[in-house]
Amino acid sequence: MATMTECRSALDRLSDNLAGADGDVRGAAALDRSLSCHIKDLDVTFTGRLAGGRIQVLDTVEGPPREKAEIRLAMTGDDLVAMVDGELNFAKAWGSGRVRLEAGIRDLLKLRSLL
């Protein structure tokens, strides 16, 4: 099971990957939205913003998110680490229910390029 430190590191690496992306991925990452990532097996939520092409983690709270972010992710720590490491395909994990992504329809349409 991935630790909280490993999950935070994975989010930082994901942020770096988004910042260095080109084309459609860069456009999708350019959104300015509140973001939460609930790590189900650790029962912890990282909250912050997707802004300027980066993920900015601002807080870590125990349990599910206290406020409804504009973009909401939920998964296990192992799945987060595996996705960032390129070992788990996001679209397949989302389609199978291993990863949950919730956002407004316009944001989902923009984020589809990340899939």
PDB file of N, CA and C in Angstrom:
ATOM      1  N   MET A   1       0.847  -1.168   0.000  1.00  0.00           N
ATOM      2  CA  MET A   1       0.000   0.000   0.000  1.00  0.00           C
ATOM      3  C   MET A   1       0.902   1.244   0.000  1.00  0.00           C
ATOM      4  N   ALA A   2       0.618   2.168  -0.910  1.00  0.00           N
ATOM      5  CA  ALA A   2       1.390   3.408  -1.010  1.00  0.00           C
ATOM      6  C   ALA A   2       1.165   4.258   0.237  1.00  0.00           C
ATOM      7  N   THR A   3       2.214   4.932   0.669  1.00  0.00           N
ATOM      8  CA  THR A   3       2.126   5.802   1.834  1.00  0.00           C
ATOM      9  C   THR A   3       1.644   7.194   1.418  1.00  0.00           C
ATOM     10  N   MET A   4       1.326   8.010   2.401  1.00  0.00           N
ATOM     11  CA  MET A   4       0.901   9.371   2.124  1.00  0.00           C
ATOM     12  C   MET A   4       2.040  10.146   1.438  1.00  0.00           C
ATOM     13  N   THR A   5       3.267   9.917   1.869  1.00  0.00           N
ATOM     14  CA  THR A   5       4.420  10.584   1.259  1.00  0.00           C
ATOM     15  C   THR A   5       4.575  10.180  -0.200  1.00  0.00           C
ATOM     16  N   GLU A   6       4.386   8.892  -0.505  1.00  0.00           N
ATOM     17  CA  GLU A   6       4.473   8.424  -1.891  1.00  0.00           C
ATOM     18  C   GLU A   6       3.362   9.023  -2.749  1.00  0.00           C
ATOM     19  N   CYS A   7       2.178   9.159  -2.184  1.00  0.00           N
ATOM     20  CA  CYS A   7       1.059   9.768  -2.921  1.00  0.00           C
ATOM     21  C   CYS A   7       1.328  11.235  -3.190  1.00  0.00           C
ATOM     22  N   ARG A   8       1.823  11.952  -2.206  1.00  0.00           N
ATOM     23  CA  ARG A   8       2.143  13.369  -2.394  1.00  0.00           C
ATOM     24  C   ARG A   8       3.233  13.523  -3.454  1.00  0.00           C
ATOM     25  N   SER A   9       4.222  12.653  -3.412  1.00  0.00           N
ATOM     26  CA  SER A   9       5.291  12.683  -4.412  1.00  0.00           C
ATOM     27  C   SER A   9       4.738  12.405  -5.817  1.00  0.00           C
ATOM     28  N   ALA A  10       3.795  11.469  -5.907  1.00  0.00           N
ATOM     29  CA  ALA A  10       3.180  11.158  -7.201  1.00  0.00           C
ATOM     30  C   ALA A  10       2.415  12.368  -7.734  1.00  0.00           C
ATOM     31  N   LEU A  11       1.706  13.092  -6.872  1.00  0.00           N
ATOM     32  CA  LEU A  11       0.995  14.302  -7.303  1.00  0.00           C
ATOM     33  C   LEU A  11       1.979  15.369  -7.774  1.00  0.00           C
ATOM     34  N   ASP A  12       3.110  15.486  -7.104  1.00  0.00           N
ATOM     35  CA  ASP A  12       4.135  16.443  -7.534  1.00  0.00           C
ATOM     36  C   ASP A  12       4.699  16.063  -8.904  1.00  0.00           C
ATOM     37  N   ARG A  13       4.942  14.766  -9.119  1.00  0.00           N
ATOM     38  CA  ARG A  13       5.445  14.308 -10.423  1.00  0.00           C
ATOM     39  C   ARG A  13       4.399  14.524 -11.513  1.00  0.00           C
ATOM     40  N   LEU A  14       3.126  14.278 -11.188  1.00  0.00           N
ATOM     41  CA  LEU A  14       2.051  14.529 -12.140  1.00  0.00           C
ATOM     42  C   LEU A  14       2.015  16.009 -12.507  1.00  0.00           C
ATOM     43  N   SER A  15       2.166  16.873 -11.526  1.00  0.00           N
ATOM     44  CA  SER A  15       2.200  18.308 -11.777  1.00  0.00           C
ATOM     45  C   SER A  15       3.348  18.669 -12.716  1.00  0.00           C
ATOM     46  N   ASP A  16       4.517  18.100 -12.475  1.00  0.00           N
ATOM     47  CA  ASP A  16       5.673  18.350 -13.344  1.00  0.00           C
ATOM     48  C   ASP A  16       5.401  17.864 -14.763  1.00  0.00           C
ATOM     49  N   ASN A  17       4.756  16.697 -14.889  1.00  0.00           N
ATOM     50  CA  ASN A  17       4.426  16.147 -16.209  1.00  0.00           C
ATOM     51  C   ASN A  17       3.461  17.068 -16.957  1.00  0.00           C
ATOM     52  N   LEU A  18       2.453  17.570 -16.256  1.00  0.00           N
ATOM     53  CA  LEU A  18       1.489  18.472 -16.881  1.00  0.00           C
ATOM     54  C   LEU A  18       2.161  19.770 -17.311  1.00  0.00           C
ATOM     55  N   ALA A  19       3.052  20.284 -16.476  1.00  0.00           N
ATOM     56  CA  ALA A  19       3.728  21.547 -16.788  1.00  0.00           C
ATOM     57  C   ALA A  19       4.594  21.430 -18.037  1.00  0.00           C
ATOM     58  N   GLY A  20       5.112  20.233 -18.293  1.00  0.00           N
ATOM     59  CA  GLY A  20       5.971  20.028 -19.457  1.00  0.00           C
ATOM     60  C   GLY A  20       5.247  19.504 -20.678  1.00  0.00           C
ATOM     61  N   ALA A  21       3.932  19.391 -20.613  1.00  0.00           N
ATOM     62  CA  ALA A  21       3.155  18.806 -21.714  1.00  0.00           C
ATOM     63  C   ALA A  21       2.992  19.792 -22.868  1.00  0.00           C
ATOM     64  N   ASP A  22       2.661  19.237 -24.030  1.00  0.00           N
ATOM     65  CA  ASP A  22       2.423  20.029 -25.236  1.00  0.00           C
ATOM     66  C   ASP A  22       0.992  19.833 -25.716  1.00  0.00           C
ATOM     67  N   GLY A  23       0.587  20.645 -26.664  1.00  0.00           N
ATOM     68  CA  GLY A  23      -0.664  20.474 -27.402  1.00  0.00           C
ATOM     69  C   GLY A  23      -1.907  20.434 -26.545  1.00  0.00           C
ATOM     70  N   ASP A  24      -2.781  19.439 -26.837  1.00  0.00           N
ATOM     71  CA  ASP A  24      -4.073  19.320 -26.162  1.00  0.00           C
ATOM     72  C   ASP A  24      -3.929  19.110 -24.656  1.00  0.00           C
ATOM     73  N   VAL A  25      -2.905  18.352 -24.261  1.00  0.00           N
ATOM     74  CA  VAL A  25      -2.709  18.096 -22.828  1.00  0.00           C
ATOM     75  C   VAL A  25      -2.386  19.409 -22.124  1.00  0.00           C
ATOM     76  N   ARG A  26      -1.551  20.211 -22.740  1.00  0.00           N
ATOM     77  CA  ARG A  26      -1.207  21.509 -22.139  1.00  0.00           C
ATOM     78  C   ARG A  26      -2.453  22.383 -22.028  1.00  0.00           C
ATOM     79  N   GLY A  27      -3.310  22.355 -23.036  1.00  0.00           N
ATOM     80  CA  GLY A  27      -4.552  23.126 -22.995  1.00  0.00           C
ATOM     81  C   GLY A  27      -5.470  22.681 -21.882  1.00  0.00           C
ATOM     82  N   ALA A  28      -5.595  21.371 -21.690  1.00  0.00           N
ATOM     83  CA  ALA A  28      -6.443  20.841 -20.625  1.00  0.00           C
ATOM     84  C   ALA A  28      -5.877  21.192 -19.254  1.00  0.00           C
ATOM     85  N   ALA A  29      -4.565  21.154 -19.128  1.00  0.00           N
ATOM     86  CA  ALA A  29      -3.924  21.452 -17.853  1.00  0.00           C
ATOM     87  C   ALA A  29      -3.961  22.945 -17.533  1.00  0.00           C
ATOM     88  N   ALA A  30      -4.302  23.772 -18.511  1.00  0.00           N
ATOM     89  CA  ALA A  30      -4.320  25.221 -18.309  1.00  0.00           C
ATOM     90  C   ALA A  30      -5.581  25.707 -17.600  1.00  0.00           C
ATOM     91  N   LEU A  31      -6.483  24.797 -17.273  1.00  0.00           N
ATOM     92  CA  LEU A  31      -7.682  25.181 -16.525  1.00  0.00           C
ATOM     93  C   LEU A  31      -7.286  25.809 -15.187  1.00  0.00           C
ATOM     94  N   ASP A  32      -8.153  26.623 -14.640  1.00  0.00           N
ATOM     95  CA  ASP A  32      -7.969  27.155 -13.294  1.00  0.00           C
ATOM     96  C   ASP A  32      -9.166  26.685 -12.475  1.00  0.00           C
ATOM     97  N   ARG A  33      -8.987  25.574 -11.768  1.00  0.00           N
ATOM     98  CA  ARG A  33     -10.083  24.939 -11.042  1.00  0.00           C
ATOM     99  C   ARG A  33      -9.605  24.425  -9.691  1.00  0.00           C
ATOM    100  N   SER A  34     -10.521  24.395  -8.732  1.00  0.00           N
ATOM    101  CA  SER A  34     -10.232  23.730  -7.463  1.00  0.00           C
ATOM    102  C   SER A  34     -10.181  22.223  -7.738  1.00  0.00           C
ATOM    103  N   LEU A  35      -9.370  21.530  -6.946  1.00  0.00           N
ATOM    104  CA  LEU A  35      -9.105  20.111  -7.196  1.00  0.00           C
ATOM    105  C   LEU A  35      -9.013  19.374  -5.871  1.00  0.00           C
ATOM    106  N   SER A  36      -9.568  18.161  -5.844  1.00  0.00           N
ATOM    107  CA  SER A  36      -9.363  17.286  -4.689  1.00  0.00           C
ATOM    108  C   SER A  36      -9.031  15.891  -5.197  1.00  0.00           C
ATOM    109  N   CYS A  37      -8.178  15.216  -4.450  1.00  0.00           N
ATOM    110  CA  CYS A  37      -7.803  13.838  -4.770  1.00  0.00           C
ATOM    111  C   CYS A  37      -7.904  13.024  -3.482  1.00  0.00           C
ATOM    112  N   HIS A  38      -8.977  12.223  -3.392  1.00  0.00           N
ATOM    113  CA  HIS A  38      -9.218  11.395  -2.207  1.00  0.00           C
ATOM    114  C   HIS A  38      -8.518  10.054  -2.399  1.00  0.00           C
ATOM    115  N   ILE A  39      -7.616   9.738  -1.483  1.00  0.00           N
ATOM    116  CA  ILE A  39      -6.912   8.449  -1.498  1.00  0.00           C
ATOM    117  C   ILE A  39      -7.700   7.526  -0.577  1.00  0.00           C
ATOM    118  N   LYS A  40      -8.472   6.637  -1.200  1.00  0.00           N
ATOM    119  CA  LYS A  40      -9.466   5.854  -0.457  1.00  0.00           C
ATOM    120  C   LYS A  40      -8.862   4.941   0.596  1.00  0.00           C
ATOM    121  N   ASP A  41      -7.768   4.257   0.283  1.00  0.00           N
ATOM    122  CA  ASP A  41      -7.233   3.293   1.246  1.00  0.00           C
ATOM    123  C   ASP A  41      -6.543   3.977   2.427  1.00  0.00           C
ATOM    124  N   LEU A  42      -6.080   5.200   2.259  1.00  0.00           N
ATOM    125  CA  LEU A  42      -5.488   5.960   3.358  1.00  0.00           C
ATOM    126  C   LEU A  42      -6.509   6.863   4.037  1.00  0.00           C
ATOM    127  N   ASP A  43      -7.681   7.014   3.410  1.00  0.00           N
ATOM    128  CA  ASP A  43      -8.744   7.909   3.849  1.00  0.00           C
ATOM    129  C   ASP A  43      -8.195   9.306   4.133  1.00  0.00           C
ATOM    130  N   VAL A  44      -7.507   9.835   3.116  1.00  0.00           N
ATOM    131  CA  VAL A  44      -6.948  11.175   3.179  1.00  0.00           C
ATOM    132  C   VAL A  44      -7.237  11.868   1.853  1.00  0.00           C
ATOM    133  N   THR A  45      -7.406  13.180   1.887  1.00  0.00           N
ATOM    134  CA  THR A  45      -7.684  13.943   0.682  1.00  0.00           C
ATOM    135  C   THR A  45      -6.674  15.068   0.540  1.00  0.00           C
ATOM    136  N   PHE A  46      -6.072  15.133  -0.636  1.00  0.00           N
ATOM    137  CA  PHE A  46      -5.217  16.254  -0.999  1.00  0.00           C
ATOM    138  C   PHE A  46      -6.104  17.275  -1.695  1.00  0.00           C
ATOM    139  N   THR A  47      -6.047  18.517  -1.266  1.00  0.00           N
ATOM    140  CA  THR A  47      -6.861  19.560  -1.885  1.00  0.00           C
ATOM    141  C   THR A  47      -5.950  20.655  -2.413  1.00  0.00           C
ATOM    142  N   GLY A  48      -6.409  21.311  -3.456  1.00  0.00           N
ATOM    143  CA  GLY A  48      -5.615  22.393  -4.027  1.00  0.00           C
ATOM    144  C   GLY A  48      -6.250  22.936  -5.281  1.00  0.00           C
ATOM    145  N   ARG A  49      -5.402  23.310  -6.239  1.00  0.00           N
ATOM    146  CA  ARG A  49      -5.866  23.906  -7.492  1.00  0.00           C
ATOM    147  C   ARG A  49      -5.082  23.338  -8.657  1.00  0.00           C
ATOM    148  N   LEU A  50      -5.765  23.250  -9.768  1.00  0.00           N
ATOM    149  CA  LEU A  50      -5.129  23.038 -11.054  1.00  0.00           C
ATOM    150  C   LEU A  50      -5.075  24.427 -11.668  1.00  0.00           C
ATOM    151  N   ALA A  51      -3.892  24.997 -11.775  1.00  0.00           N
ATOM    152  CA  ALA A  51      -3.757  26.368 -12.261  1.00  0.00           C
ATOM    153  C   ALA A  51      -2.391  26.544 -12.901  1.00  0.00           C
ATOM    154  N   GLY A  52      -2.362  27.308 -13.978  1.00  0.00           N
ATOM    155  CA  GLY A  52      -1.087  27.579 -14.633  1.00  0.00           C
ATOM    156  C   GLY A  52      -0.402  26.331 -15.145  1.00  0.00           C
ATOM    157  N   GLY A  53      -1.189  25.306 -15.472  1.00  0.00           N
ATOM    158  CA  GLY A  53      -0.611  24.067 -15.982  1.00  0.00           C
ATOM    159  C   GLY A  53       0.006  23.184 -14.920  1.00  0.00           C
ATOM    160  N   ARG A  54      -0.249  23.475 -13.668  1.00  0.00           N
ATOM    161  CA  ARG A  54       0.323  22.689 -12.566  1.00  0.00           C
ATOM    162  C   ARG A  54      -0.744  22.358 -11.536  1.00  0.00           C
ATOM    163  N   ILE A  55      -0.485  21.310 -10.778  1.00  0.00           N
ATOM    164  CA  ILE A  55      -1.313  20.969  -9.625  1.00  0.00           C
ATOM    165  C   ILE A  55      -0.637  21.556  -8.403  1.00  0.00           C
ATOM    166  N   GLN A  56      -1.355  22.415  -7.697  1.00  0.00           N
ATOM    167  CA  GLN A  56      -0.834  23.019  -6.481  1.00  0.00           C
ATOM    168  C   GLN A  56      -1.578  22.417  -5.295  1.00  0.00           C
ATOM    169  N   VAL A  57      -0.907  21.540  -4.544  1.00  0.00           N
ATOM    170  CA  VAL A  57      -1.515  20.952  -3.352  1.00  0.00           C
ATOM    171  C   VAL A  57      -1.402  21.977  -2.234  1.00  0.00           C
ATOM    172  N   LEU A  58      -2.558  22.369  -1.699  1.00  0.00           N
ATOM    173  CA  LEU A  58      -2.593  23.402  -0.664  1.00  0.00           C
ATOM    174  C   LEU A  58      -2.826  22.845   0.732  1.00  0.00           C
ATOM    175  N   ASP A  59      -3.463  21.659   0.811  1.00  0.00           N
ATOM    176  CA  ASP A  59      -3.796  21.109   2.125  1.00  0.00           C
ATOM    177  C   ASP A  59      -3.984  19.602   2.015  1.00  0.00           C
ATOM    178  N   THR A  60      -3.889  18.949   3.139  1.00  0.00           N
ATOM    179  CA  THR A  60      -4.167  17.525   3.253  1.00  0.00           C
ATOM    180  C   THR A  60      -5.109  17.359   4.436  1.00  0.00           C
ATOM    181  N   VAL A  61      -6.236  16.689   4.200  1.00  0.00           N
ATOM    182  CA  VAL A  61      -7.212  16.501   5.269  1.00  0.00           C
ATOM    183  C   VAL A  61      -7.534  15.021   5.418  1.00  0.00           C
ATOM    184  N   GLU A  62      -7.859  14.634   6.623  1.00  0.00           N
ATOM    185  CA  GLU A  62      -8.272  13.254   6.849  1.00  0.00           C
ATOM    186  C   GLU A  62      -9.696  13.078   6.367  1.00  0.00           C
ATOM    187  N   GLY A  63      -9.971  11.915   5.803  1.00  0.00           N
ATOM    188  CA  GLY A  63     -11.312  11.597   5.338  1.00  0.00           C
ATOM    189  C   GLY A  63     -11.582  12.139   3.942  1.00  0.00           C
ATOM    190  N   PRO A  64     -12.853  12.069   3.549  1.00  0.00           N
ATOM    191  CA  PRO A  64     -13.234  12.577   2.228  1.00  0.00           C
ATOM    192  C   PRO A  64     -13.131  14.102   2.209  1.00  0.00           C
ATOM    193  N   PRO A  65     -13.170  14.686   1.012  1.00  0.00           N
ATOM    194  CA  PRO A  65     -13.057  16.147   0.933  1.00  0.00           C
ATOM    195  C   PRO A  65     -14.170  16.836   1.706  1.00  0.00           C
ATOM    196  N   ARG A  66     -13.818  17.916   2.378  1.00  0.00           N
ATOM    197  CA  ARG A  66     -14.802  18.652   3.177  1.00  0.00           C
ATOM    198  C   ARG A  66     -15.649  19.566   2.310  1.00  0.00           C
ATOM    199  N   GLU A  67     -15.067  20.051   1.225  1.00  0.00           N
ATOM    200  CA  GLU A  67     -15.789  20.903   0.289  1.00  0.00           C
ATOM    201  C   GLU A  67     -15.748  20.270  -1.090  1.00  0.00           C
ATOM    202  N   LYS A  68     -16.736  20.566  -1.891  1.00  0.00           N
ATOM    203  CA  LYS A  68     -16.831  19.998  -3.232  1.00  0.00           C
ATOM    204  C   LYS A  68     -15.950  20.797  -4.189  1.00  0.00           C
ATOM    205  N   ALA A  69     -14.841  20.197  -4.614  1.00  0.00           N
ATOM    206  CA  ALA A  69     -13.950  20.842  -5.571  1.00  0.00           C
ATOM    207  C   ALA A  69     -14.563  20.757  -6.969  1.00  0.00           C
ATOM    208  N   GLU A  70     -14.105  21.628  -7.853  1.00  0.00           N
ATOM    209  CA  GLU A  70     -14.613  21.619  -9.230  1.00  0.00           C
ATOM    210  C   GLU A  70     -14.169  20.372  -9.991  1.00  0.00           C
ATOM    211  N   ILE A  71     -12.982  19.850  -9.669  1.00  0.00           N
ATOM    212  CA  ILE A  71     -12.496  18.587 -10.238  1.00  0.00           C
ATOM    213  C   ILE A  71     -12.189  17.675  -9.064  1.00  0.00           C
ATOM    214  N   ARG A  72     -12.829  16.501  -9.058  1.00  0.00           N
ATOM    215  CA  ARG A  72     -12.694  15.576  -7.942  1.00  0.00           C
ATOM    216  C   ARG A  72     -12.203  14.219  -8.427  1.00  0.00           C
ATOM    217  N   LEU A  73     -11.127  13.752  -7.833  1.00  0.00           N
ATOM    218  CA  LEU A  73     -10.575  12.435  -8.130  1.00  0.00           C
ATOM    219  C   LEU A  73     -10.658  11.578  -6.875  1.00  0.00           C
ATOM    220  N   ALA A  74     -10.829  10.274  -7.063  1.00  0.00           N
ATOM    221  CA  ALA A  74     -10.784   9.332  -5.941  1.00  0.00           C
ATOM    222  C   ALA A  74     -10.194   8.022  -6.455  1.00  0.00           C
ATOM    223  N   MET A  75      -9.266   7.457  -5.701  1.00  0.00           N
ATOM    224  CA  MET A  75      -8.598   6.207  -6.078  1.00  0.00           C
ATOM    225  C   MET A  75      -7.773   5.714  -4.900  1.00  0.00           C
ATOM    226  N   THR A  76      -7.177   4.557  -5.043  1.00  0.00           N
ATOM    227  CA  THR A  76      -6.251   4.077  -4.021  1.00  0.00           C
ATOM    228  C   THR A  76      -4.886   4.717  -4.255  1.00  0.00           C
ATOM    229  N   GLY A  77      -4.076   4.711  -3.226  1.00  0.00           N
ATOM    230  CA  GLY A  77      -2.721   5.242  -3.347  1.00  0.00           C
ATOM    231  C   GLY A  77      -1.904   4.473  -4.361  1.00  0.00           C
ATOM    232  N   ASP A  78      -2.037   3.146  -4.363  1.00  0.00           N
ATOM    233  CA  ASP A  78      -1.296   2.326  -5.334  1.00  0.00           C
ATOM    234  C   ASP A  78      -1.686   2.677  -6.760  1.00  0.00           C
ATOM    235  N   ASP A  79      -2.974   2.943  -6.998  1.00  0.00           N
ATOM    236  CA  ASP A  79      -3.414   3.301  -8.346  1.00  0.00           C
ATOM    237  C   ASP A  79      -2.870   4.666  -8.762  1.00  0.00           C
ATOM    238  N   LEU A  80      -2.840   5.624  -7.840  1.00  0.00           N
ATOM    239  CA  LEU A  80      -2.269   6.935  -8.153  1.00  0.00           C
ATOM    240  C   LEU A  80      -0.804   6.793  -8.550  1.00  0.00           C
ATOM    241  N   VAL A  81      -0.034   6.095  -7.761  1.00  0.00           N
ATOM    242  CA  VAL A  81       1.393   5.911  -8.042  1.00  0.00           C
ATOM    243  C   VAL A  81       1.578   5.175  -9.367  1.00  0.00           C
ATOM    244  N   ALA A  82       0.791   4.126  -9.594  1.00  0.00           N
ATOM    245  CA  ALA A  82       0.912   3.348 -10.839  1.00  0.00           C
ATOM    246  C   ALA A  82       0.566   4.204 -12.065  1.00  0.00           C
ATOM    247  N   MET A  83      -0.438   5.055 -11.967  1.00  0.00           N
ATOM    248  CA  MET A  83      -0.799   5.919 -13.102  1.00  0.00           C
ATOM    249  C   MET A  83       0.320   6.900 -13.411  1.00  0.00           C
ATOM    250  N   VAL A  84       0.854   7.540 -12.381  1.00  0.00           N
ATOM    251  CA  VAL A  84       1.912   8.530 -12.601  1.00  0.00           C
ATOM    252  C   VAL A  84       3.174   7.853 -13.130  1.00  0.00           C
ATOM    253  N   ASP A  85       3.428   6.626 -12.691  1.00  0.00           N
ATOM    254  CA  ASP A  85       4.595   5.877 -13.167  1.00  0.00           C
ATOM    255  C   ASP A  85       4.384   5.262 -14.555  1.00  0.00           C
ATOM    256  N   GLY A  86       3.184   5.414 -15.122  1.00  0.00           N
ATOM    257  CA  GLY A  86       2.906   4.880 -16.452  1.00  0.00           C
ATOM    258  C   GLY A  86       2.561   3.404 -16.476  1.00  0.00           C
ATOM    259  N   GLU A  87       2.299   2.824 -15.310  1.00  0.00           N
ATOM    260  CA  GLU A  87       1.986   1.398 -15.220  1.00  0.00           C
ATOM    261  C   GLU A  87       0.487   1.117 -15.279  1.00  0.00           C
ATOM    262  N   LEU A  88      -0.341   2.148 -15.122  1.00  0.00           N
ATOM    263  CA  LEU A  88      -1.788   2.002 -15.148  1.00  0.00           C
ATOM    264  C   LEU A  88      -2.359   3.077 -16.056  1.00  0.00           C
ATOM    265  N   ASN A  89      -3.133   2.665 -17.041  1.00  0.00           N
ATOM    266  CA  ASN A  89      -3.760   3.581 -17.983  1.00  0.00           C
ATOM    267  C   ASN A  89      -4.966   4.236 -17.323  1.00  0.00           C
ATOM    268  N   PHE A  90      -4.979   5.581 -17.323  1.00  0.00           N
ATOM    269  CA  PHE A  90      -6.053   6.311 -16.662  1.00  0.00           C
ATOM    270  C   PHE A  90      -7.413   5.967 -17.245  1.00  0.00           C
ATOM    271  N   ALA A  91      -7.527   5.968 -18.568  1.00  0.00           N
ATOM    272  CA  ALA A  91      -8.828   5.716 -19.214  1.00  0.00           C
ATOM    273  C   ALA A  91      -9.369   4.340 -18.829  1.00  0.00           C
ATOM    274  N   LYS A  92      -8.514   3.329 -18.815  1.00  0.00           N
ATOM    275  CA  LYS A  92      -8.965   1.982 -18.438  1.00  0.00           C
ATOM    276  C   LYS A  92      -9.343   1.926 -16.961  1.00  0.00           C
ATOM    277  N   ALA A  93      -8.552   2.584 -16.117  1.00  0.00           N
ATOM    278  CA  ALA A  93      -8.847   2.584 -14.690  1.00  0.00           C
ATOM    279  C   ALA A  93     -10.156   3.326 -14.417  1.00  0.00           C
ATOM    280  N   TRP A  94     -10.388   4.413 -15.125  1.00  0.00           N
ATOM    281  CA  TRP A  94     -11.630   5.179 -14.979  1.00  0.00           C
ATOM    282  C   TRP A  94     -12.811   4.356 -15.478  1.00  0.00           C
ATOM    283  N   GLY A  95     -12.651   3.737 -16.640  1.00  0.00           N
ATOM    284  CA  GLY A  95     -13.723   2.925 -17.214  1.00  0.00           C
ATOM    285  C   GLY A  95     -14.095   1.721 -16.356  1.00  0.00           C
ATOM    286  N   SER A  96     -13.119   1.178 -15.641  1.00  0.00           N
ATOM    287  CA  SER A  96     -13.378   0.002 -14.804  1.00  0.00           C
ATOM    288  C   SER A  96     -13.827   0.371 -13.395  1.00  0.00           C
ATOM    289  N   GLY A  97     -13.813   1.675 -13.070  1.00  0.00           N
ATOM    290  CA  GLY A  97     -14.251   2.108 -11.750  1.00  0.00           C
ATOM    291  C   GLY A  97     -13.155   2.168 -10.705  1.00  0.00           C
ATOM    292  N   ARG A  98     -11.931   1.856 -11.090  1.00  0.00           N
ATOM    293  CA  ARG A  98     -10.831   1.935 -10.119  1.00  0.00           C
ATOM    294  C   ARG A  98     -10.512   3.380  -9.762  1.00  0.00           C
ATOM    295  N   VAL A  99     -10.742   4.268 -10.711  1.00  0.00           N
ATOM    296  CA  VAL A  99     -10.514   5.697 -10.503  1.00  0.00           C
ATOM    297  C   VAL A  99     -11.827   6.418 -10.756  1.00  0.00           C
ATOM    298  N   ARG A 100     -12.165   7.339  -9.881  1.00  0.00           N
ATOM    299  CA  ARG A 100     -13.370   8.142 -10.074  1.00  0.00           C
ATOM    300  C   ARG A 100     -12.943   9.572 -10.383  1.00  0.00           C
ATOM    301  N   LEU A 101     -13.515  10.126 -11.445  1.00  0.00           N
ATOM    302  CA  LEU A 101     -13.287  11.516 -11.833  1.00  0.00           C
ATOM    303  C   LEU A 101     -14.641  12.171 -11.971  1.00  0.00           C
ATOM    304  N   GLU A 102     -14.832  13.252 -11.237  1.00  0.00           N
ATOM    305  CA  GLU A 102     -16.078  14.009 -11.314  1.00  0.00           C
ATOM    306  C   GLU A 102     -15.734  15.466 -11.572  1.00  0.00           C
ATOM    307  N   ALA A 103     -16.463  16.052 -12.503  1.00  0.00           N
ATOM    308  CA  ALA A 103     -16.276  17.462 -12.843  1.00  0.00           C
ATOM    309  C   ALA A 103     -17.471  17.894 -13.669  1.00  0.00           C
ATOM    310  N   GLY A 104     -17.584  19.183 -13.895  1.00  0.00           N
ATOM    311  CA  GLY A 104     -18.632  19.686 -14.772  1.00  0.00           C
ATOM    312  C   GLY A 104     -18.410  19.203 -16.200  1.00  0.00           C
ATOM    313  N   ILE A 105     -19.460  19.197 -16.990  1.00  0.00           N
ATOM    314  CA  ILE A 105     -19.380  18.658 -18.346  1.00  0.00           C
ATOM    315  C   ILE A 105     -18.337  19.388 -19.181  1.00  0.00           C
ATOM    316  N   ARG A 106     -18.244  20.695 -19.074  1.00  0.00           N
ATOM    317  CA  ARG A 106     -17.236  21.434 -19.850  1.00  0.00           C
ATOM    318  C   ARG A 106     -15.826  21.039 -19.452  1.00  0.00           C
ATOM    319  N   ASP A 107     -15.607  20.869 -18.151  1.00  0.00           N
ATOM    320  CA  ASP A 107     -14.283  20.453 -17.690  1.00  0.00           C
ATOM    321  C   ASP A 107     -13.970  19.031 -18.141  1.00  0.00           C
ATOM    322  N   LEU A 108     -14.950  18.150 -18.074  1.00  0.00           N
ATOM    323  CA  LEU A 108     -14.732  16.779 -18.544  1.00  0.00           C
ATOM    324  C   LEU A 108     -14.353  16.760 -20.012  1.00  0.00           C
ATOM    325  N   LEU A 109     -15.002  17.587 -20.819  1.00  0.00           N
ATOM    326  CA  LEU A 109     -14.669  17.649 -22.236  1.00  0.00           C
ATOM    327  C   LEU A 109     -13.231  18.137 -22.442  1.00  0.00           C
ATOM    328  N   LYS A 110     -12.822  19.107 -21.663  1.00  0.00           N
ATOM    329  CA  LYS A 110     -11.425  19.591 -21.744  1.00  0.00           C
ATOM    330  C   LYS A 110     -10.450  18.531 -21.257  1.00  0.00           C
ATOM    331  N   LEU A 111     -10.804  17.873 -20.164  1.00  0.00           N
ATOM    332  CA  LEU A 111      -9.901  16.889 -19.553  1.00  0.00           C
ATOM    333  C   LEU A 111      -9.772  15.608 -20.362  1.00  0.00           C
ATOM    334  N   ARG A 112     -10.677  15.376 -21.295  1.00  0.00           N
ATOM    335  CA  ARG A 112     -10.620  14.130 -22.068  1.00  0.00           C
ATOM    336  C   ARG A 112      -9.305  13.984 -22.810  1.00  0.00           C
ATOM    337  N   SER A 113      -8.642  15.089 -23.135  1.00  0.00           N
ATOM    338  CA  SER A 113      -7.348  14.999 -23.821  1.00  0.00           C
ATOM    339  C   SER A 113      -6.262  14.413 -22.915  1.00  0.00           C
ATOM    340  N   LEU A 114      -6.502  14.426 -21.614  1.00  0.00           N
ATOM    341  CA  LEU A 114      -5.559  13.804 -20.698  1.00  0.00           C
ATOM    342  C   LEU A 114      -5.700  12.294 -20.697  1.00  0.00           C
ATOM    343  N   LEU A 115      -6.806  11.795 -21.212  1.00  0.00           N
ATOM    344  CA  LEU A 115      -7.046  10.360 -21.217  1.00  0.00           C
ATOM    345  C   LEU A 115      -6.274   9.719 -22.338  1.00  0.00           C
TER     346      LEU A 115
END
